[in-house]
N, C-alpha and C. Protein backbone atom coordinates (compact mmCIF):
# COMPACT_ATOMS: atom_id res chain seq x y z
N MET A 1 -36.50 -31.24 17.05
CA MET A 1 -36.37 -30.39 15.87
C MET A 1 -35.22 -29.40 16.03
N ARG A 2 -35.17 -28.78 17.23
CA ARG A 2 -34.10 -27.82 17.48
C ARG A 2 -32.74 -28.49 17.40
N ARG A 3 -32.68 -29.74 17.94
CA ARG A 3 -31.40 -30.44 17.91
C ARG A 3 -30.99 -30.75 16.47
N THR A 4 -31.97 -31.14 15.66
CA THR A 4 -31.68 -31.44 14.24
C THR A 4 -31.19 -30.19 13.52
N ALA A 5 -31.87 -29.05 13.80
CA ALA A 5 -31.45 -27.79 13.18
C ALA A 5 -30.06 -27.41 13.63
N GLY A 6 -29.77 -27.65 14.92
CA GLY A 6 -28.45 -27.32 15.45
C GLY A 6 -27.37 -28.16 14.81
N LEU A 7 -27.65 -29.46 14.62
CA LEU A 7 -26.68 -30.35 13.99
C LEU A 7 -26.45 -29.93 12.54
N PHE A 8 -27.54 -29.54 11.88
CA PHE A 8 -27.43 -29.11 10.49
C PHE A 8 -26.56 -27.86 10.38
N THR A 9 -26.78 -26.90 11.29
CA THR A 9 -25.99 -25.68 11.30
C THR A 9 -24.53 -25.99 11.58
N LEU A 10 -24.28 -26.89 12.54
CA LEU A 10 -22.92 -27.27 12.88
C LEU A 10 -22.23 -27.92 11.68
N THR A 11 -22.97 -28.76 10.95
CA THR A 11 -22.41 -29.42 9.77
C THR A 11 -22.02 -28.39 8.71
N LEU A 12 -22.91 -27.39 8.51
CA LEU A 12 -22.60 -26.34 7.54
C LEU A 12 -21.35 -25.56 7.94
N LEU A 13 -21.23 -25.28 9.23
CA LEU A 13 -20.07 -24.54 9.71
C LEU A 13 -18.79 -25.35 9.51
N MET A 14 -18.88 -26.66 9.75
CA MET A 14 -17.71 -27.52 9.58
C MET A 14 -17.31 -27.60 8.11
N LEU A 15 -18.33 -27.67 7.22
CA LEU A 15 -18.04 -27.70 5.79
C LEU A 15 -17.39 -26.39 5.34
N ALA A 16 -17.93 -25.29 5.87
CA ALA A 16 -17.37 -23.98 5.51
C ALA A 16 -15.92 -23.88 5.98
N ALA A 17 -15.66 -24.38 7.20
CA ALA A 17 -14.30 -24.34 7.72
C ALA A 17 -13.38 -25.19 6.86
N GLY A 18 -13.91 -26.32 6.39
CA GLY A 18 -13.11 -27.20 5.53
C GLY A 18 -12.74 -26.52 4.24
N VAL A 19 -13.68 -25.73 3.69
CA VAL A 19 -13.40 -25.02 2.45
C VAL A 19 -12.32 -23.98 2.67
N VAL A 20 -12.40 -23.28 3.84
CA VAL A 20 -11.41 -22.27 4.16
C VAL A 20 -10.03 -22.91 4.27
N GLU A 21 -9.98 -24.10 4.93
CA GLU A 21 -8.71 -24.78 5.12
C GLU A 21 -8.20 -25.38 3.81
N ALA A 22 -9.12 -25.63 2.89
CA ALA A 22 -8.73 -26.33 1.67
C ALA A 22 -7.75 -25.51 0.84
N GLN A 23 -7.93 -24.22 0.79
CA GLN A 23 -7.05 -23.39 -0.01
C GLN A 23 -6.65 -22.14 0.77
N THR A 24 -5.37 -21.85 0.74
CA THR A 24 -4.83 -20.70 1.47
C THR A 24 -4.30 -19.67 0.49
N PRO A 25 -4.76 -18.41 0.60
CA PRO A 25 -4.23 -17.39 -0.30
C PRO A 25 -2.77 -17.09 0.02
N VAL A 26 -1.95 -17.01 -1.01
CA VAL A 26 -0.53 -16.71 -0.84
C VAL A 26 -0.08 -15.74 -1.92
N ARG A 27 1.05 -15.10 -1.70
CA ARG A 27 1.70 -14.31 -2.74
C ARG A 27 3.03 -14.98 -3.04
N VAL A 28 3.27 -15.23 -4.29
CA VAL A 28 4.47 -15.95 -4.69
C VAL A 28 5.47 -14.98 -5.31
N ARG A 29 6.68 -15.00 -4.80
CA ARG A 29 7.79 -14.23 -5.35
C ARG A 29 8.95 -15.19 -5.51
N GLY A 30 9.51 -15.26 -6.70
CA GLY A 30 10.63 -16.18 -6.87
C GLY A 30 11.11 -16.26 -8.31
N THR A 31 11.99 -17.22 -8.54
CA THR A 31 12.65 -17.38 -9.84
C THR A 31 12.14 -18.63 -10.54
N ILE A 32 11.82 -18.50 -11.81
CA ILE A 32 11.36 -19.64 -12.60
C ILE A 32 12.52 -20.62 -12.80
N THR A 33 12.26 -21.89 -12.54
CA THR A 33 13.27 -22.92 -12.78
C THR A 33 12.92 -23.79 -13.98
N ALA A 34 11.62 -23.85 -14.34
CA ALA A 34 11.22 -24.65 -15.51
C ALA A 34 9.78 -24.34 -15.87
N LEU A 35 9.44 -24.59 -17.13
CA LEU A 35 8.06 -24.55 -17.61
C LEU A 35 7.87 -25.78 -18.47
N GLU A 36 7.06 -26.72 -17.98
CA GLU A 36 6.80 -27.96 -18.69
C GLU A 36 5.30 -28.11 -18.88
N GLY A 37 4.84 -27.88 -20.11
CA GLY A 37 3.41 -27.94 -20.38
C GLY A 37 2.68 -26.86 -19.61
N ASP A 38 1.75 -27.29 -18.74
CA ASP A 38 0.97 -26.34 -17.94
C ASP A 38 1.49 -26.23 -16.51
N VAL A 39 2.71 -26.67 -16.27
CA VAL A 39 3.27 -26.61 -14.92
C VAL A 39 4.50 -25.71 -14.91
N LEU A 40 4.41 -24.65 -14.12
CA LEU A 40 5.50 -23.69 -13.96
C LEU A 40 6.20 -23.99 -12.63
N SER A 41 7.49 -24.23 -12.68
CA SER A 41 8.26 -24.49 -11.46
C SER A 41 8.94 -23.20 -11.01
N VAL A 42 8.77 -22.88 -9.73
CA VAL A 42 9.31 -21.64 -9.18
C VAL A 42 10.02 -21.92 -7.87
N LYS A 43 11.22 -21.39 -7.72
CA LYS A 43 11.89 -21.42 -6.41
C LYS A 43 11.63 -20.07 -5.77
N THR A 44 10.91 -20.08 -4.66
CA THR A 44 10.51 -18.83 -4.02
C THR A 44 11.68 -18.16 -3.33
N ARG A 45 11.48 -16.91 -2.97
CA ARG A 45 12.54 -16.18 -2.27
C ARG A 45 12.83 -16.80 -0.91
N GLU A 46 11.87 -17.60 -0.40
CA GLU A 46 12.07 -18.29 0.87
C GLU A 46 12.77 -19.64 0.68
N GLY A 47 13.02 -20.01 -0.60
CA GLY A 47 13.73 -21.26 -0.87
C GLY A 47 12.85 -22.46 -1.14
N GLN A 48 11.53 -22.27 -1.23
CA GLN A 48 10.62 -23.39 -1.52
C GLN A 48 10.55 -23.65 -3.01
N ASP A 49 10.37 -24.91 -3.37
CA ASP A 49 10.17 -25.29 -4.76
C ASP A 49 8.68 -25.53 -4.98
N LEU A 50 8.06 -24.69 -5.80
CA LEU A 50 6.63 -24.77 -6.04
C LEU A 50 6.33 -25.25 -7.44
N LYS A 51 5.24 -25.99 -7.58
CA LYS A 51 4.70 -26.38 -8.87
C LYS A 51 3.41 -25.59 -9.07
N VAL A 52 3.41 -24.73 -10.06
CA VAL A 52 2.28 -23.83 -10.29
C VAL A 52 1.49 -24.33 -11.49
N GLU A 53 0.20 -24.55 -11.27
CA GLU A 53 -0.65 -25.05 -12.34
C GLU A 53 -1.21 -23.88 -13.16
N LEU A 54 -0.90 -23.87 -14.45
CA LEU A 54 -1.37 -22.81 -15.33
C LEU A 54 -2.64 -23.25 -16.05
N THR A 55 -3.64 -22.40 -16.04
CA THR A 55 -4.87 -22.68 -16.78
C THR A 55 -4.96 -21.69 -17.93
N ASP A 56 -5.94 -21.88 -18.80
CA ASP A 56 -6.12 -20.97 -19.93
C ASP A 56 -6.50 -19.57 -19.48
N LYS A 57 -6.99 -19.44 -18.24
CA LYS A 57 -7.44 -18.15 -17.73
C LYS A 57 -6.30 -17.32 -17.14
N VAL A 58 -5.13 -17.94 -16.96
CA VAL A 58 -4.02 -17.23 -16.33
C VAL A 58 -3.38 -16.26 -17.31
N ALA A 59 -3.38 -14.98 -16.95
CA ALA A 59 -2.76 -13.95 -17.79
C ALA A 59 -1.30 -13.76 -17.38
N VAL A 60 -0.50 -13.28 -18.33
CA VAL A 60 0.92 -13.03 -18.09
C VAL A 60 1.24 -11.60 -18.49
N ALA A 61 2.08 -10.94 -17.70
CA ALA A 61 2.52 -9.58 -18.04
C ALA A 61 3.99 -9.43 -17.68
N THR A 62 4.73 -8.77 -18.53
CA THR A 62 6.10 -8.40 -18.19
C THR A 62 6.07 -7.02 -17.55
N VAL A 63 7.17 -6.64 -16.91
CA VAL A 63 7.23 -5.30 -16.32
C VAL A 63 8.33 -4.50 -17.00
N GLN A 64 8.08 -3.21 -17.11
CA GLN A 64 9.09 -2.33 -17.68
C GLN A 64 9.24 -1.10 -16.79
N ALA A 65 10.41 -0.53 -16.81
CA ALA A 65 10.70 0.61 -15.95
C ALA A 65 9.95 1.85 -16.42
N VAL A 66 9.58 2.67 -15.45
CA VAL A 66 8.91 3.95 -15.70
C VAL A 66 9.71 5.03 -14.98
N LYS A 67 9.82 6.21 -15.57
CA LYS A 67 10.52 7.30 -14.91
C LYS A 67 9.64 7.88 -13.79
N LEU A 68 10.23 8.06 -12.64
CA LEU A 68 9.50 8.64 -11.51
C LEU A 68 8.95 10.02 -11.89
N ALA A 69 9.71 10.76 -12.67
CA ALA A 69 9.29 12.11 -13.05
C ALA A 69 8.06 12.11 -13.93
N ASP A 70 7.73 10.97 -14.53
CA ASP A 70 6.56 10.90 -15.42
C ASP A 70 5.25 10.69 -14.67
N ILE A 71 5.34 10.35 -13.38
CA ILE A 71 4.11 10.15 -12.60
C ILE A 71 3.48 11.51 -12.32
N LYS A 72 2.18 11.62 -12.59
CA LYS A 72 1.50 12.92 -12.48
C LYS A 72 0.14 12.73 -11.81
N PRO A 73 -0.46 13.82 -11.33
CA PRO A 73 -1.80 13.73 -10.74
C PRO A 73 -2.79 13.08 -11.71
N GLY A 74 -3.62 12.20 -11.15
CA GLY A 74 -4.59 11.48 -11.96
C GLY A 74 -4.16 10.06 -12.28
N ASP A 75 -2.85 9.80 -12.20
CA ASP A 75 -2.36 8.44 -12.47
C ASP A 75 -2.80 7.50 -11.35
N GLY A 76 -3.10 6.26 -11.74
CA GLY A 76 -3.39 5.23 -10.75
C GLY A 76 -2.11 4.46 -10.44
N VAL A 77 -1.78 4.34 -9.16
CA VAL A 77 -0.55 3.65 -8.78
C VAL A 77 -0.77 2.76 -7.56
N GLY A 78 0.14 1.83 -7.40
CA GLY A 78 0.24 1.07 -6.17
C GLY A 78 1.63 1.32 -5.62
N ALA A 79 1.74 1.56 -4.33
CA ALA A 79 3.04 1.85 -3.73
C ALA A 79 3.21 1.04 -2.45
N THR A 80 4.30 0.28 -2.40
CA THR A 80 4.65 -0.39 -1.15
C THR A 80 5.58 0.53 -0.39
N ALA A 81 5.30 0.75 0.88
CA ALA A 81 6.09 1.71 1.65
C ALA A 81 6.47 1.15 3.02
N ARG A 82 7.57 1.69 3.52
CA ARG A 82 8.05 1.34 4.86
C ARG A 82 7.71 2.50 5.80
N PRO A 83 6.94 2.27 6.86
CA PRO A 83 6.63 3.33 7.81
C PRO A 83 7.85 3.69 8.65
N GLY A 84 8.06 4.99 8.87
CA GLY A 84 9.15 5.44 9.73
C GLY A 84 8.68 5.57 11.16
N PRO A 85 9.58 5.85 12.10
CA PRO A 85 9.22 6.00 13.52
C PRO A 85 8.17 7.08 13.75
N ASP A 86 8.18 8.10 12.86
CA ASP A 86 7.21 9.19 13.01
C ASP A 86 5.93 8.96 12.22
N GLY A 87 5.82 7.76 11.61
CA GLY A 87 4.63 7.45 10.84
C GLY A 87 4.71 7.81 9.37
N SER A 88 5.79 8.51 8.98
CA SER A 88 5.95 8.88 7.57
C SER A 88 6.20 7.62 6.75
N LEU A 89 5.84 7.68 5.47
CA LEU A 89 5.96 6.51 4.60
C LEU A 89 7.00 6.76 3.51
N THR A 90 7.92 5.80 3.37
CA THR A 90 8.95 5.86 2.33
C THR A 90 8.76 4.69 1.39
N ALA A 91 8.65 4.97 0.11
CA ALA A 91 8.35 3.92 -0.87
C ALA A 91 9.50 2.93 -1.02
N LEU A 92 9.11 1.66 -1.11
CA LEU A 92 10.04 0.58 -1.46
C LEU A 92 9.93 0.28 -2.95
N GLU A 93 8.77 0.56 -3.52
CA GLU A 93 8.51 0.37 -4.95
C GLU A 93 7.22 1.09 -5.29
N VAL A 94 7.08 1.41 -6.59
CA VAL A 94 5.84 1.99 -7.10
C VAL A 94 5.52 1.30 -8.41
N HIS A 95 4.29 0.86 -8.57
CA HIS A 95 3.87 0.31 -9.87
C HIS A 95 2.69 1.13 -10.38
N VAL A 96 2.80 1.51 -11.64
CA VAL A 96 1.83 2.39 -12.28
C VAL A 96 0.83 1.56 -13.06
N PHE A 97 -0.45 1.77 -12.81
CA PHE A 97 -1.49 1.05 -13.54
C PHE A 97 -1.70 1.70 -14.91
N PRO A 98 -2.06 0.89 -15.91
CA PRO A 98 -2.27 1.44 -17.26
C PRO A 98 -3.31 2.56 -17.25
N ALA A 99 -3.11 3.54 -18.12
CA ALA A 99 -4.05 4.67 -18.24
C ALA A 99 -5.45 4.16 -18.55
N GLY A 100 -6.44 4.71 -17.87
CA GLY A 100 -7.82 4.32 -18.11
C GLY A 100 -8.27 3.14 -17.30
N MET A 101 -7.35 2.47 -16.62
CA MET A 101 -7.69 1.30 -15.81
C MET A 101 -8.16 1.75 -14.43
N ALA A 102 -9.23 1.15 -13.94
CA ALA A 102 -9.68 1.43 -12.57
C ALA A 102 -8.62 0.93 -11.60
N VAL A 103 -8.44 1.64 -10.50
CA VAL A 103 -7.45 1.23 -9.51
C VAL A 103 -7.97 -0.01 -8.77
N PRO A 104 -7.26 -1.14 -8.87
CA PRO A 104 -7.74 -2.36 -8.20
C PRO A 104 -7.45 -2.33 -6.69
N ASN A 105 -8.34 -2.94 -5.92
CA ASN A 105 -8.14 -3.05 -4.46
C ASN A 105 -7.74 -1.72 -3.84
N GLU A 106 -8.48 -0.69 -4.19
CA GLU A 106 -8.16 0.66 -3.73
C GLU A 106 -8.14 0.73 -2.21
N GLY A 107 -7.13 1.42 -1.66
CA GLY A 107 -7.04 1.59 -0.22
C GLY A 107 -5.63 1.43 0.30
N HIS A 108 -5.51 1.36 1.62
CA HIS A 108 -4.22 1.31 2.32
C HIS A 108 -4.27 0.13 3.28
N ARG A 109 -3.31 -0.79 3.17
CA ARG A 109 -3.37 -2.03 3.97
C ARG A 109 -1.98 -2.61 4.18
N PRO A 110 -1.85 -3.53 5.15
CA PRO A 110 -0.57 -4.22 5.36
C PRO A 110 -0.17 -5.03 4.13
N TRP A 111 1.13 -5.14 3.90
CA TRP A 111 1.68 -5.88 2.77
C TRP A 111 2.83 -6.74 3.27
N ASP A 112 3.26 -7.69 2.47
CA ASP A 112 4.27 -8.64 2.95
C ASP A 112 5.58 -8.60 2.17
N LEU A 113 5.87 -7.47 1.52
CA LEU A 113 7.15 -7.38 0.83
C LEU A 113 8.29 -7.48 1.83
N GLU A 114 8.10 -6.80 2.95
CA GLU A 114 9.02 -6.93 4.08
C GLU A 114 8.20 -6.71 5.35
N PRO A 115 8.70 -7.14 6.51
CA PRO A 115 7.93 -6.97 7.74
C PRO A 115 7.54 -5.51 7.98
N GLY A 116 6.26 -5.30 8.25
CA GLY A 116 5.76 -3.97 8.56
C GLY A 116 5.43 -3.11 7.37
N SER A 117 5.66 -3.61 6.16
CA SER A 117 5.40 -2.78 4.98
C SER A 117 3.90 -2.62 4.74
N MET A 118 3.55 -1.56 4.02
CA MET A 118 2.16 -1.24 3.71
C MET A 118 2.00 -1.05 2.21
N MET A 119 0.80 -1.36 1.71
CA MET A 119 0.49 -1.15 0.30
C MET A 119 -0.62 -0.12 0.19
N THR A 120 -0.45 0.84 -0.71
CA THR A 120 -1.48 1.83 -1.00
C THR A 120 -1.79 1.81 -2.49
N ASN A 121 -3.02 1.48 -2.84
CA ASN A 121 -3.49 1.54 -4.23
C ASN A 121 -4.44 2.72 -4.32
N ALA A 122 -4.11 3.69 -5.18
CA ALA A 122 -4.91 4.92 -5.21
C ALA A 122 -4.56 5.76 -6.43
N ARG A 123 -5.25 6.87 -6.56
CA ARG A 123 -4.94 7.86 -7.59
C ARG A 123 -3.98 8.90 -7.00
N VAL A 124 -3.06 9.34 -7.82
CA VAL A 124 -2.16 10.42 -7.40
C VAL A 124 -2.95 11.73 -7.44
N SER A 125 -3.00 12.42 -6.30
CA SER A 125 -3.71 13.70 -6.26
C SER A 125 -2.76 14.89 -6.20
N ALA A 126 -1.48 14.64 -5.86
CA ALA A 126 -0.50 15.73 -5.84
C ALA A 126 0.90 15.13 -5.91
N VAL A 127 1.79 15.88 -6.52
CA VAL A 127 3.21 15.51 -6.61
C VAL A 127 4.04 16.73 -6.28
N VAL A 128 4.91 16.62 -5.28
CA VAL A 128 5.80 17.73 -4.94
C VAL A 128 7.21 17.19 -4.73
N GLN A 129 8.18 18.06 -4.89
CA GLN A 129 9.57 17.68 -4.64
C GLN A 129 9.83 17.81 -3.14
N ALA A 130 10.35 16.75 -2.55
CA ALA A 130 10.68 16.76 -1.13
C ALA A 130 12.20 16.65 -0.96
N THR A 131 12.65 16.83 0.26
CA THR A 131 14.09 16.79 0.53
C THR A 131 14.69 15.44 0.16
N LYS A 132 13.96 14.36 0.44
CA LYS A 132 14.50 13.02 0.22
C LYS A 132 13.95 12.35 -1.04
N GLY A 133 13.27 13.11 -1.87
CA GLY A 133 12.72 12.53 -3.09
C GLY A 133 11.44 13.24 -3.49
N ARG A 134 10.64 12.59 -4.34
CA ARG A 134 9.35 13.16 -4.73
C ARG A 134 8.28 12.63 -3.79
N GLU A 135 7.40 13.52 -3.35
CA GLU A 135 6.32 13.12 -2.45
C GLU A 135 5.03 13.00 -3.24
N LEU A 136 4.47 11.79 -3.21
CA LEU A 136 3.20 11.54 -3.87
C LEU A 136 2.09 11.54 -2.83
N THR A 137 1.02 12.26 -3.09
CA THR A 137 -0.18 12.15 -2.28
C THR A 137 -1.12 11.21 -3.00
N LEU A 138 -1.44 10.10 -2.36
CA LEU A 138 -2.30 9.09 -2.96
C LEU A 138 -3.65 9.13 -2.27
N SER A 139 -4.68 9.40 -3.04
CA SER A 139 -6.02 9.56 -2.48
C SER A 139 -6.94 8.43 -2.93
N TYR A 140 -7.68 7.89 -1.96
CA TYR A 140 -8.63 6.81 -2.21
C TYR A 140 -9.93 7.13 -1.49
N LYS A 141 -10.90 6.28 -1.59
CA LYS A 141 -12.25 6.58 -1.10
C LYS A 141 -12.29 7.02 0.35
N ASP A 142 -11.56 6.35 1.22
CA ASP A 142 -11.68 6.63 2.65
C ASP A 142 -10.52 7.42 3.23
N GLY A 143 -9.66 7.96 2.39
CA GLY A 143 -8.55 8.72 2.94
C GLY A 143 -7.45 8.97 1.94
N SER A 144 -6.26 9.31 2.45
CA SER A 144 -5.12 9.56 1.59
C SER A 144 -3.83 9.31 2.37
N GLN A 145 -2.74 9.11 1.63
CA GLN A 145 -1.44 8.88 2.22
C GLN A 145 -0.41 9.69 1.46
N LYS A 146 0.56 10.26 2.18
CA LYS A 146 1.69 10.91 1.54
C LYS A 146 2.88 9.97 1.62
N ILE A 147 3.46 9.69 0.45
CA ILE A 147 4.55 8.73 0.38
C ILE A 147 5.74 9.37 -0.34
N VAL A 148 6.89 9.36 0.30
CA VAL A 148 8.10 9.90 -0.32
C VAL A 148 8.76 8.79 -1.12
N VAL A 149 9.07 9.09 -2.37
CA VAL A 149 9.72 8.12 -3.26
C VAL A 149 11.15 8.58 -3.52
N PRO A 150 12.14 7.98 -2.86
CA PRO A 150 13.53 8.39 -3.09
C PRO A 150 13.99 8.06 -4.50
N GLU A 151 14.97 8.80 -5.00
CA GLU A 151 15.56 8.48 -6.29
C GLU A 151 16.14 7.07 -6.23
N GLY A 152 15.96 6.31 -7.30
CA GLY A 152 16.47 4.95 -7.33
C GLY A 152 15.46 3.91 -6.92
N THR A 153 14.30 4.35 -6.40
CA THR A 153 13.23 3.41 -6.04
C THR A 153 12.69 2.76 -7.32
N PRO A 154 12.51 1.43 -7.33
CA PRO A 154 11.94 0.80 -8.53
C PRO A 154 10.55 1.35 -8.84
N VAL A 155 10.36 1.79 -10.08
CA VAL A 155 9.06 2.27 -10.56
C VAL A 155 8.79 1.55 -11.88
N VAL A 156 7.68 0.80 -11.93
CA VAL A 156 7.42 -0.05 -13.10
C VAL A 156 5.97 0.03 -13.52
N THR A 157 5.70 -0.52 -14.69
CA THR A 157 4.34 -0.74 -15.14
C THR A 157 4.29 -2.10 -15.82
N ALA A 158 3.09 -2.68 -15.91
CA ALA A 158 2.94 -4.01 -16.50
C ALA A 158 2.52 -3.91 -17.95
N VAL A 159 3.04 -4.83 -18.76
CA VAL A 159 2.72 -4.88 -20.19
C VAL A 159 2.25 -6.29 -20.51
N ALA A 160 1.10 -6.39 -21.16
CA ALA A 160 0.54 -7.70 -21.48
C ALA A 160 1.53 -8.54 -22.28
N ALA A 161 1.61 -9.84 -21.92
CA ALA A 161 2.53 -10.75 -22.59
C ALA A 161 1.85 -12.12 -22.69
N ASP A 162 2.63 -13.14 -23.03
CA ASP A 162 2.09 -14.49 -23.08
C ASP A 162 3.08 -15.44 -22.41
N ARG A 163 2.80 -16.73 -22.47
CA ARG A 163 3.62 -17.70 -21.75
C ARG A 163 5.07 -17.76 -22.22
N SER A 164 5.32 -17.25 -23.41
CA SER A 164 6.70 -17.28 -23.90
C SER A 164 7.62 -16.44 -23.02
N ALA A 165 7.03 -15.54 -22.21
CA ALA A 165 7.83 -14.71 -21.31
C ALA A 165 8.25 -15.47 -20.05
N LEU A 166 7.64 -16.63 -19.82
CA LEU A 166 7.93 -17.40 -18.61
C LEU A 166 9.13 -18.30 -18.84
N LYS A 167 10.30 -17.70 -18.78
CA LYS A 167 11.55 -18.42 -19.07
C LYS A 167 12.32 -18.70 -17.78
N PRO A 168 13.01 -19.85 -17.72
CA PRO A 168 13.86 -20.13 -16.55
C PRO A 168 14.84 -18.98 -16.30
N GLY A 169 14.97 -18.62 -15.05
CA GLY A 169 15.86 -17.53 -14.67
C GLY A 169 15.15 -16.20 -14.48
N GLU A 170 13.93 -16.08 -15.04
CA GLU A 170 13.17 -14.85 -14.85
C GLU A 170 12.47 -14.86 -13.49
N TYR A 171 12.21 -13.67 -12.97
CA TYR A 171 11.61 -13.51 -11.64
C TYR A 171 10.12 -13.23 -11.79
N VAL A 172 9.31 -13.84 -10.93
CA VAL A 172 7.86 -13.67 -11.03
C VAL A 172 7.25 -13.22 -9.70
N PHE A 173 6.08 -12.60 -9.84
CA PHE A 173 5.25 -12.24 -8.68
C PHE A 173 3.80 -12.47 -9.07
N PHE A 174 3.03 -13.13 -8.19
CA PHE A 174 1.60 -13.31 -8.43
C PHE A 174 0.91 -13.80 -7.17
N GLY A 175 -0.41 -13.56 -7.13
CA GLY A 175 -1.24 -14.09 -6.05
C GLY A 175 -1.71 -15.47 -6.44
N ALA A 176 -1.95 -16.33 -5.44
CA ALA A 176 -2.35 -17.71 -5.74
C ALA A 176 -3.11 -18.31 -4.56
N GLN A 177 -3.68 -19.47 -4.83
CA GLN A 177 -4.29 -20.29 -3.78
C GLN A 177 -3.41 -21.52 -3.61
N LEU A 178 -3.08 -21.84 -2.36
CA LEU A 178 -2.27 -23.02 -2.05
C LEU A 178 -3.16 -24.10 -1.47
N ALA A 179 -3.26 -25.21 -2.18
CA ALA A 179 -4.10 -26.33 -1.74
C ALA A 179 -3.31 -27.23 -0.78
N PRO A 180 -4.02 -28.02 0.07
CA PRO A 180 -3.34 -28.90 1.02
C PRO A 180 -2.41 -29.91 0.35
N ASP A 181 -2.71 -30.28 -0.90
CA ASP A 181 -1.86 -31.25 -1.60
C ASP A 181 -0.63 -30.60 -2.22
N GLY A 182 -0.46 -29.28 -1.96
CA GLY A 182 0.72 -28.59 -2.46
C GLY A 182 0.54 -27.91 -3.80
N LYS A 183 -0.62 -28.09 -4.44
CA LYS A 183 -0.86 -27.44 -5.73
C LYS A 183 -0.99 -25.93 -5.54
N VAL A 184 -0.38 -25.19 -6.45
CA VAL A 184 -0.44 -23.73 -6.42
C VAL A 184 -1.21 -23.27 -7.66
N ILE A 185 -2.31 -22.56 -7.43
CA ILE A 185 -3.17 -22.13 -8.53
C ILE A 185 -3.22 -20.60 -8.54
N PRO A 186 -2.68 -19.97 -9.58
CA PRO A 186 -2.68 -18.50 -9.64
C PRO A 186 -4.11 -17.94 -9.63
N THR A 187 -4.30 -16.84 -8.92
CA THR A 187 -5.60 -16.17 -8.87
C THR A 187 -5.57 -14.84 -9.61
N GLY A 188 -4.41 -14.41 -10.01
CA GLY A 188 -4.28 -13.17 -10.77
C GLY A 188 -3.22 -13.37 -11.82
N ARG A 189 -2.93 -12.32 -12.56
CA ARG A 189 -1.94 -12.46 -13.62
C ARG A 189 -0.54 -12.66 -13.03
N ILE A 190 0.27 -13.37 -13.76
CA ILE A 190 1.65 -13.60 -13.37
C ILE A 190 2.49 -12.47 -13.97
N GLN A 191 3.15 -11.71 -13.11
CA GLN A 191 4.04 -10.66 -13.58
C GLN A 191 5.47 -11.19 -13.57
N VAL A 192 6.16 -11.00 -14.68
CA VAL A 192 7.47 -11.61 -14.86
C VAL A 192 8.49 -10.57 -15.31
N SER A 193 9.73 -10.75 -14.90
CA SER A 193 10.80 -9.82 -15.25
C SER A 193 11.12 -9.89 -16.74
N LYS A 194 11.68 -8.78 -17.23
CA LYS A 194 12.13 -8.73 -18.62
C LYS A 194 13.25 -7.70 -18.71
N ASP A 195 14.31 -8.07 -19.43
CA ASP A 195 15.45 -7.18 -19.64
C ASP A 195 16.02 -6.65 -18.32
N GLY A 196 16.00 -7.50 -17.32
CA GLY A 196 16.58 -7.11 -16.03
C GLY A 196 15.66 -6.33 -15.13
N VAL A 197 14.47 -5.98 -15.59
CA VAL A 197 13.50 -5.26 -14.76
C VAL A 197 12.52 -6.27 -14.18
N ARG A 198 12.48 -6.38 -12.88
CA ARG A 198 11.62 -7.41 -12.30
C ARG A 198 10.50 -6.81 -11.47
N PRO A 199 9.40 -7.57 -11.32
CA PRO A 199 8.29 -7.05 -10.49
C PRO A 199 8.77 -6.83 -9.06
N PRO A 200 8.68 -5.60 -8.56
CA PRO A 200 9.24 -5.28 -7.23
C PRO A 200 8.25 -5.43 -6.08
N MET A 201 7.00 -5.84 -6.39
CA MET A 201 5.98 -5.83 -5.35
C MET A 201 6.17 -6.92 -4.31
C-alpha cells in the first residue's frame, strides 16, 4: 500500500513538473512586424521572431507621455530603477496607473529591463526636488523605496485601445506564456507605442 501511495505521489509530482515545463512566463519587448487575423508577429529586442496568439480576452492599451511634475502623493506608479553602488535607486522609467486603480503586484522586486534593474509598484507618499531630479518615495505594504527620477526619464500612462493600434512598426511590451511548441500566449494587456511614445518597461 505504501509503495502504491508513493508511486501515486511520484506520478503527481511528475505531472506537476510537466505542467511547469509546458509553459514558461516571459516578458516580450519588441517591434510589430505583422498582424494577420489572430496572430501578431513581433521581432523582439533580442532579435527573435515570435508568433503571438491573440484571444478575445487580450486587452490592448497605447501609452502616452505624462509630465514628471504632475506626479503627486497618492498616485499609483510603477518605477524601474537602476541601483547605484551606494544602494540608491535611479529611475529608468516611470509608468503611472490610472486614478482609482489599485496598484497591481505591489512591492519591490527584480526586473529584466536591464541587468540588475528593480521594479517598484506602489503609491507615491512624498515628492521632493533632489539635486539630480525629483525624488519619489514609493510606499507599499512591507516597506518603501526612494527613487530619484532625472529629467528626461520616460514617464507614461496607459490608455485603453483596441487591435487597430497593433500596427507594423509599433513597439510593444507584454507578459506572456511561452509553450514548448513556440506559441506565445499573452497573459496581460499588450501595451503598444503611439505617436512615438513607447512602453518603456
